[in-house]
Amino acid sequence: MIEADILKQGKILIYPTDTIWGIGCDALNVSAIERIKQIKGRDNTKSFILLMRDLDMIREYVDSVPKVAEDLLEKNKQENIPTTILYSNPKNLPLKHLSYNNYIGIRIPNNSFLQSVFKEFPYPIVSSSANFSGKTSPSYFEEIEKDFLEKADYVSVFQREDKTKHSPSSIYMIMDNDEIKKIR
């Protein structure tokens, strides 16, 4: 799959997600992360969301996943609600390039395209909206600015015709007492 090859090469990809169209890269590749910041015109006071294949992958990059988070992810998966959870205990990540506050947002995409990418690419993927900072996030492909598309190394051909309006994911934060607080 060409998208997995692009990520393996440390290049920048524009791709569909289970929410909005995104721009991303290998979340372990610092130079690719910094390139996305440059493309978007993004400052260091905004954190990135990471996409991960499943709970097993999350456990490789987070010290512990509380049961309440597992339960929320399972419930929302069944209800097809894209869910990002902010974890305060990330590990094995170039955190200072991904987050300004030591939390890392992680979502497991409920999307066959991205799950196919993860079959060939075994690392987390940076996921940011495919737009310049301060502009409207693209719900579907045709909403992405041409100038922005030209900045990526590759633009996925998958789901370009889909005009379904998608929203960003719900975001939750795990508090110190392992309770979950809804942020968005």
Protein backbone atom coordinates (compact mmCIF):
# COMPACT_ATOMS: atom_id res chain seq x y z
CA MET A 1 0.00 0.00 0.00
CA ILE A 2 1.53 3.28 -1.14
CA GLU A 3 0.38 5.24 1.95
CA ALA A 4 2.30 2.87 4.24
CA ASP A 5 5.38 3.20 2.02
CA ILE A 6 5.16 7.01 2.16
CA LEU A 7 5.07 6.87 5.98
CA LYS A 8 7.99 4.40 6.11
CA GLN A 9 10.03 6.81 3.98
CA GLY A 10 9.48 9.66 6.46
CA LYS A 11 7.32 11.57 4.01
CA ILE A 12 4.15 13.61 4.48
CA LEU A 13 0.75 12.14 3.62
CA ILE A 14 -2.71 13.68 3.20
CA TYR A 15 -5.35 11.04 3.85
CA PRO A 16 -8.96 10.35 4.85
CA THR A 17 -9.76 9.38 8.42
CA ASP A 18 -12.93 8.34 10.20
CA THR A 19 -13.40 12.03 11.02
CA ILE A 20 -11.98 14.78 8.78
CA TRP A 21 -9.20 14.66 6.17
CA GLY A 22 -5.78 14.72 7.77
CA ILE A 23 -2.14 15.41 7.16
CA GLY A 24 0.26 13.06 8.86
CA CYS A 25 3.53 11.26 9.11
CA ASP A 26 5.35 8.67 11.17
CA ALA A 27 4.88 9.90 14.75
CA LEU A 28 8.38 8.71 15.64
CA ASN A 29 10.07 10.73 12.88
CA VAL A 30 11.03 14.14 14.34
CA SER A 31 11.97 15.76 11.03
CA ALA A 32 8.64 14.73 9.47
CA ILE A 33 6.73 16.09 12.51
CA GLU A 34 8.59 19.39 12.23
CA ARG A 35 7.84 19.52 8.51
CA ILE A 36 4.10 19.19 9.21
CA LYS A 37 4.34 22.11 11.66
CA GLN A 38 6.04 24.15 8.94
CA ILE A 39 3.49 23.19 6.25
CA LYS A 40 0.55 24.07 8.49
CA GLY A 41 2.16 27.21 9.93
CA ARG A 42 1.54 25.70 13.33
CA ASP A 43 3.18 26.92 16.51
CA ASN A 44 4.42 24.78 19.37
CA THR A 45 1.45 25.54 21.65
CA LYS A 46 -0.76 23.00 19.87
CA SER A 47 -0.40 19.27 20.35
CA PHE A 48 -0.91 16.61 17.72
CA ILE A 49 -3.32 13.70 17.88
CA LEU A 50 -1.86 10.29 17.11
CA LEU A 51 -3.68 7.47 15.37
CA MET A 52 -2.94 3.97 16.61
CA ARG A 53 -4.09 0.58 15.37
CA ASP A 54 -5.58 -0.77 18.60
CA LEU A 55 -5.27 -0.94 22.40
CA ASP A 56 -2.18 -3.14 22.16
CA MET A 57 -0.40 -0.42 20.19
CA ILE A 58 -1.53 2.24 22.67
CA ARG A 59 0.02 0.20 25.49
CA GLU A 60 3.40 0.42 23.68
CA TYR A 61 3.25 4.23 23.94
CA VAL A 62 1.37 4.86 27.20
CA ASP A 63 2.44 3.61 30.65
CA SER A 64 -1.06 2.48 31.56
CA VAL A 65 -4.51 2.53 30.02
CA PRO A 66 -7.13 2.71 32.76
CA LYS A 67 -10.10 0.35 32.54
CA VAL A 68 -12.43 3.36 32.28
CA ALA A 69 -10.61 4.40 29.06
CA GLU A 70 -10.85 0.88 27.62
CA ASP A 71 -14.57 0.80 28.42
CA LEU A 72 -15.17 4.22 26.82
CA LEU A 73 -13.26 3.23 23.68
CA GLU A 74 -15.23 -0.01 23.34
CA LYS A 75 -18.59 1.69 23.94
CA ASN A 76 -17.88 4.49 21.48
CA LYS A 77 -16.54 2.05 18.88
CA GLN A 78 -19.84 0.15 19.03
CA GLU A 79 -21.72 3.44 18.62
CA ASN A 80 -19.32 4.61 15.87
CA ILE A 81 -18.27 7.72 17.82
CA PRO A 82 -14.67 8.71 16.97
CA THR A 83 -12.93 9.17 20.30
CA THR A 84 -9.61 10.72 21.22
CA ILE A 85 -8.28 10.22 24.73
CA LEU A 86 -5.57 12.42 26.25
CA TYR A 87 -3.09 10.37 28.26
CA SER A 88 -0.71 11.93 30.78
CA ASN A 89 1.79 9.11 30.81
CA PRO A 90 3.17 8.71 27.26
CA LYS A 91 6.40 6.83 26.58
CA ASN A 92 8.59 5.90 23.61
CA LEU A 93 7.52 9.04 21.70
CA PRO A 94 9.36 12.26 20.75
CA LEU A 95 6.97 14.06 23.09
CA LYS A 96 8.47 17.56 22.93
CA HIS A 97 7.75 17.57 19.17
CA LEU A 98 4.21 16.20 19.54
CA SER A 99 2.85 17.93 22.63
CA TYR A 100 3.34 21.18 24.50
CA ASN A 101 1.91 19.92 27.81
CA ASN A 102 3.15 16.31 28.21
CA TYR A 103 -0.27 14.86 27.34
CA ILE A 104 -0.74 12.90 24.15
CA GLY A 105 -4.06 12.51 22.37
CA ILE A 106 -4.64 9.09 20.84
CA ARG A 107 -7.46 7.79 18.65
CA ILE A 108 -8.05 4.31 17.26
CA PRO A 109 -9.62 4.94 13.85
CA ASN A 110 -12.73 2.93 13.05
CA ASN A 111 -11.92 3.11 9.37
CA SER A 112 -10.99 0.23 7.05
CA PHE A 113 -8.58 2.38 5.03
CA LEU A 114 -6.46 3.32 8.05
CA GLN A 115 -6.61 -0.16 9.52
CA SER A 116 -5.19 -1.39 6.18
CA VAL A 117 -2.35 1.14 6.47
CA PHE A 118 -1.59 -0.19 9.98
CA LYS A 119 -1.23 -3.72 8.58
CA GLU A 120 1.86 -2.48 6.74
CA PHE A 121 2.95 0.41 8.97
CA PRO A 122 3.43 -0.66 12.61
CA TYR A 123 3.91 2.78 14.23
CA PRO A 124 1.66 5.63 15.39
CA ILE A 125 0.63 8.18 12.77
CA VAL A 126 0.46 11.93 13.38
CA SER A 127 -3.01 13.18 12.53
CA SER A 128 -3.70 16.86 12.08
CA SER A 129 -6.43 18.47 10.00
CA ALA A 130 -5.44 18.95 6.35
CA ASN A 131 -5.50 22.74 6.44
CA PHE A 132 -3.29 25.71 7.19
CA SER A 133 -3.48 26.74 10.86
CA GLY A 134 -6.43 28.99 11.57
CA LYS A 135 -8.40 27.80 8.53
CA THR A 136 -11.49 25.56 8.54
CA SER A 137 -10.86 21.81 8.86
CA PRO A 138 -11.83 19.91 5.68
CA SER A 139 -14.72 17.54 6.21
CA TYR A 140 -14.23 16.00 2.78
CA PHE A 141 -11.56 16.02 0.09
CA GLU A 142 -12.84 18.89 -2.07
CA GLU A 143 -12.64 21.25 0.92
CA ILE A 144 -8.84 20.96 1.07
CA GLU A 145 -7.10 24.02 -0.40
CA LYS A 146 -5.09 23.29 -3.56
CA ASP A 147 -2.07 25.12 -2.14
CA PHE A 148 -2.18 22.83 0.88
CA LEU A 149 -2.41 19.65 -1.22
CA GLU A 150 0.75 20.64 -3.07
CA LYS A 151 2.75 20.71 0.19
CA ALA A 152 2.41 16.96 0.86
CA ASP A 153 4.56 14.22 -0.65
CA TYR A 154 1.49 12.13 -1.43
CA VAL A 155 -2.29 12.60 -1.37
CA SER A 156 -4.30 9.42 -0.92
CA VAL A 157 -6.79 8.52 -3.66
CA PHE A 158 -9.08 6.75 -1.20
CA GLN A 159 -12.47 8.29 -0.36
CA ARG A 160 -11.95 11.41 -2.50
CA GLU A 161 -15.50 11.11 -3.83
CA ASP A 162 -17.08 10.79 -0.37
CA LYS A 163 -18.99 14.00 0.40
CA THR A 164 -20.21 12.93 3.81
CA LYS A 165 -19.81 15.76 6.33
CA HIS A 166 -17.62 14.48 9.14
CA SER A 167 -16.82 16.13 12.44
CA PRO A 168 -13.66 15.99 14.53
CA SER A 169 -13.53 13.34 17.24
CA SER A 170 -14.84 13.69 20.77
CA ILE A 171 -11.94 14.36 23.13
CA TYR A 172 -11.63 13.07 26.68
CA MET A 173 -8.91 13.55 29.29
CA ILE A 174 -7.92 10.96 31.86
CA MET A 175 -7.73 12.71 35.23
CA ASP A 176 -5.32 11.81 38.06
CA ASN A 177 -7.98 9.67 39.77
CA ASP A 178 -8.55 7.68 36.52
CA GLU A 179 -11.86 9.43 35.92
CA ILE A 180 -12.58 10.70 32.43
CA LYS A 181 -13.52 14.29 31.66
CA LYS A 182 -15.03 15.28 28.30
CA ILE A 183 -13.12 18.17 26.68
CA ARG A 184 -14.97 18.36 23.34
